[in-house]
Protein backbone atom coordinates (compact mmCIF):
# COMPACT_ATOMS: atom_id res chain seq x y z
CA MET A 1 148.96 131.98 69.06
CA LYS A 2 150.42 128.57 69.87
CA ARG A 3 151.32 129.77 73.37
CA SER A 4 147.82 131.00 74.14
CA ALA A 5 146.28 127.76 72.81
CA LEU A 6 148.67 125.72 74.94
CA ALA A 7 147.89 127.86 77.99
CA ALA A 8 144.17 127.42 77.39
CA ILE A 9 144.55 123.65 77.08
CA LEU A 10 146.62 123.48 80.27
CA THR A 11 144.10 125.65 82.12
CA LEU A 12 141.24 123.41 80.97
CA ALA A 13 143.19 120.31 82.00
CA VAL A 14 143.85 121.72 85.47
CA LEU A 15 140.18 122.73 85.83
CA ALA A 16 139.04 119.28 84.69
CA ALA A 17 141.35 117.62 87.22
CA MET A 18 140.02 119.86 89.99
CA VAL A 19 136.41 119.10 89.04
CA LEU A 20 137.10 115.36 88.97
CA ARG A 21 138.82 115.53 92.35
CA LEU A 22 135.96 117.54 93.85
CA TYR A 23 133.37 115.15 92.40
CA GLY A 24 135.35 112.18 93.72
CA SER A 25 135.36 113.66 97.22
CA ALA A 26 131.55 113.95 97.09
CA TYR A 27 131.37 110.16 96.57
CA PRO A 28 134.03 108.87 99.00
CA ILE A 29 132.76 105.33 99.67
CA ALA A 30 134.43 102.54 97.72
CA PRO A 31 132.23 100.38 95.43
CA ASP A 32 132.92 97.33 97.62
CA GLY A 33 131.94 99.25 100.77
CA SER A 34 135.31 98.58 102.39
CA ASN A 35 135.42 102.07 103.94
CA LEU A 36 131.68 102.39 104.64
CA GLU A 37 131.93 101.58 108.34
CA SER A 38 134.14 104.59 109.14
CA TYR A 39 131.98 106.99 107.09
CA ALA A 40 128.80 105.57 108.64
CA ALA A 41 130.18 105.88 112.18
CA ASP A 42 131.04 109.55 111.56
CA TYR A 43 127.64 110.17 109.95
CA LEU A 44 125.69 108.56 112.79
CA ALA A 45 127.76 110.21 115.53
CA ARG A 46 126.88 113.74 114.42
CA GLY A 47 125.16 115.31 117.40
CA ALA A 48 124.39 111.98 119.07
CA SER A 49 125.73 110.25 122.13
CA ASP A 50 127.50 106.98 121.41
CA PRO A 51 124.88 104.19 121.56
CA GLY A 52 127.43 101.43 121.06
CA PRO A 53 129.27 99.62 118.29
CA LEU A 54 128.30 99.80 114.63
CA LYS A 55 127.99 96.51 112.72
CA LEU A 56 127.30 96.30 108.99
CA TYR A 57 125.61 93.35 107.29
CA GLU A 58 124.20 92.65 103.81
CA SER A 59 123.63 95.27 101.14
CA ILE A 60 120.92 95.51 98.50
CA ASP A 61 121.64 97.37 95.24
CA LEU A 62 118.72 98.71 93.23
CA GLY A 63 119.67 100.93 90.29
CA ASP A 64 121.99 103.65 91.55
CA ARG A 65 120.93 103.17 95.18
CA ARG A 66 122.28 100.88 97.88
CA TRP A 67 120.86 99.99 101.29
CA THR A 68 123.08 98.33 103.89
CA LEU A 69 121.62 96.59 106.95
CA MET A 70 123.23 97.76 110.18
CA GLU A 71 123.07 97.49 113.93
CA TRP A 72 124.09 100.52 115.94
CA GLY A 73 124.22 99.48 119.55
CA GLU A 74 120.86 97.80 120.16
CA ASP A 75 119.14 99.47 117.17
CA LEU A 76 118.56 97.80 113.80
CA GLY A 77 118.31 99.80 110.60
CA ALA A 78 119.75 100.59 107.20
CA LEU A 79 122.12 103.06 105.62
CA ARG A 80 121.04 104.65 102.33
CA LEU A 81 123.71 105.31 99.72
CA GLU A 82 123.72 106.85 96.26
CA LYS A 83 126.07 105.78 93.47
CA GLY A 84 127.97 108.44 91.54
CA LEU A 85 129.13 108.45 87.93
CA ASN A 86 132.54 107.34 89.19
CA GLY A 87 131.06 104.10 90.59
CA ARG A 88 131.65 105.21 94.18
CA PHE A 89 128.96 105.96 96.78
CA ARG A 90 127.95 108.69 99.19
CA LEU A 91 125.91 108.22 102.34
CA THR A 92 122.53 109.96 101.98
CA GLY A 93 120.71 108.81 105.10
CA ALA A 94 120.06 106.28 107.81
CA SER A 95 116.95 104.84 109.39
CA TYR A 96 116.98 102.73 112.55
CA GLY A 97 114.99 101.77 115.60
CA SER A 98 114.76 99.33 118.48
CA ALA A 99 112.53 96.74 116.73
CA ASN A 100 113.72 93.29 115.63
CA PHE A 101 112.59 94.14 112.08
CA GLN A 102 112.84 97.22 109.90
CA GLU A 103 110.96 97.60 106.65
CA TRP A 104 110.54 100.19 103.91
CA VAL A 105 108.94 100.65 100.51
CA VAL A 106 111.43 102.45 98.29
CA GLU A 107 111.59 103.70 94.72
CA ALA A 108 114.79 102.88 92.85
CA GLY A 109 115.97 101.64 89.49
CA GLY A 110 112.66 102.48 87.84
CA GLY A 111 110.54 100.40 90.24
CA LYS A 112 109.18 100.11 93.75
CA TYR A 113 110.54 97.61 96.24
CA PHE A 114 109.73 96.36 99.70
CA LEU A 115 112.88 95.96 101.81
CA LEU A 116 112.86 93.91 104.99
CA GLY A 117 115.75 93.54 107.41
CA GLY A 118 115.63 91.62 110.63
CA ARG A 119 117.10 89.58 113.40
CA ASN A 120 116.56 85.86 112.95
CA ALA A 121 118.77 84.26 115.60
CA CYS A 122 115.83 82.96 117.66
CA PHE A 123 113.01 82.75 115.13
CA ASN A 124 114.23 80.51 112.27
CA ILE A 125 112.12 82.46 109.77
CA GLY A 126 112.17 80.94 106.28
CA GLN A 127 109.59 83.04 104.47
CA VAL A 128 107.68 86.28 104.92
CA THR A 129 104.48 87.38 103.22
CA VAL A 130 103.70 91.09 103.11
CA THR A 131 100.42 92.67 102.02
CA LEU A 132 100.65 96.11 100.42
CA SER A 133 97.73 97.90 98.75
CA GLY A 134 95.77 94.63 98.78
CA ARG A 135 98.49 92.60 97.03
CA GLU A 136 100.52 89.81 98.61
CA TYR A 137 104.27 89.42 98.08
CA HIS A 138 106.39 86.48 99.23
CA MET A 139 110.01 86.73 100.32
CA ASP A 140 112.37 83.83 101.00
CA ILE A 141 114.56 84.60 104.00
CA PRO A 142 118.19 83.46 103.86
CA GLU A 143 119.55 81.50 106.80
CA GLY A 144 121.57 83.41 109.37
CA ASP A 145 121.24 85.55 112.47
CA ARG A 146 120.45 88.67 110.40
CA PHE A 147 118.76 89.00 107.01
CA PHE A 148 118.11 91.74 104.48
CA THR A 149 115.97 91.05 101.44
CA ALA A 150 113.83 92.84 98.87
CA VAL A 151 110.93 92.13 96.54
CA GLU A 152 109.63 94.29 93.72
CA VAL A 153 106.10 95.55 94.36
CA ASP A 154 103.44 97.07 92.14
CA SER A 155 104.29 100.63 91.12
CA ARG A 156 100.83 101.72 92.33
CA THR A 157 101.66 100.73 95.92
CA GLU A 158 100.79 103.71 98.10
CA GLU A 159 102.31 102.64 101.43
CA ASN A 160 105.89 103.54 102.29
CA ARG A 161 105.91 101.20 105.33
CA ALA A 162 104.14 97.89 105.97
CA GLY A 163 104.01 97.51 109.74
CA PRO A 164 103.56 94.33 111.78
CA GLU A 165 99.89 93.87 110.86
CA SER A 166 100.80 93.48 107.15
CA LEU A 167 103.42 90.78 107.66
CA ARG A 168 103.08 87.01 108.07
CA PHE A 169 106.08 84.94 109.13
CA TYR A 170 106.71 81.24 108.34
CA ASP A 171 109.43 78.77 109.27
CA ARG A 172 111.36 76.75 106.68
CA ALA A 173 108.74 73.98 106.78
CA GLY A 174 105.93 76.44 105.97
CA ASN A 175 104.45 76.60 109.50
CA GLU A 176 103.16 80.03 110.46
CA LEU A 177 105.14 81.82 113.18
CA THR A 178 103.43 85.22 113.13
CA GLU A 179 101.92 84.96 116.63
CA GLN A 180 105.27 83.87 118.10
CA ILE A 181 107.36 86.63 116.51
CA ARG A 182 108.33 89.53 118.74
CA TRP A 183 108.41 92.73 116.69
CA ASN A 184 110.24 94.59 119.48
């Protein structure tokens, strides 16, 4: 009896270890993102010609989701990651294009958020106002050549993208720059 109980416990322990190892391999990206670049390069290269170097910038965490601003060659976009129970991440998608700005409305952490990433080397943008479903939201833009920021929006927001016509750009002194900003 003791032998069969011991064998059962050992079998369960081995199975548990295998399950944990398998689960860990499904979420291979470290919490600090230190190995994200290599996983992202492999993910993006699937079936695509090499458009150039991959550069990673800021990340935004919302609930169990993370978005990381990236440039892949000349394209600007974001990587989408999902956090596992082990605190590690897996890459679930990427969105990118040739524009100077990329924007999304996402659901995460029990809310809706507007995410805006962009190139700011030439523009000196200090604030952005976005209008979604008739409501205005203001975002302070951090200094730097690239930025990635988010603002929580009303849960009834229907749009999943804003587009250039819904955005107003301002410099750090509050002067409007919208007409001078090149979207592409």
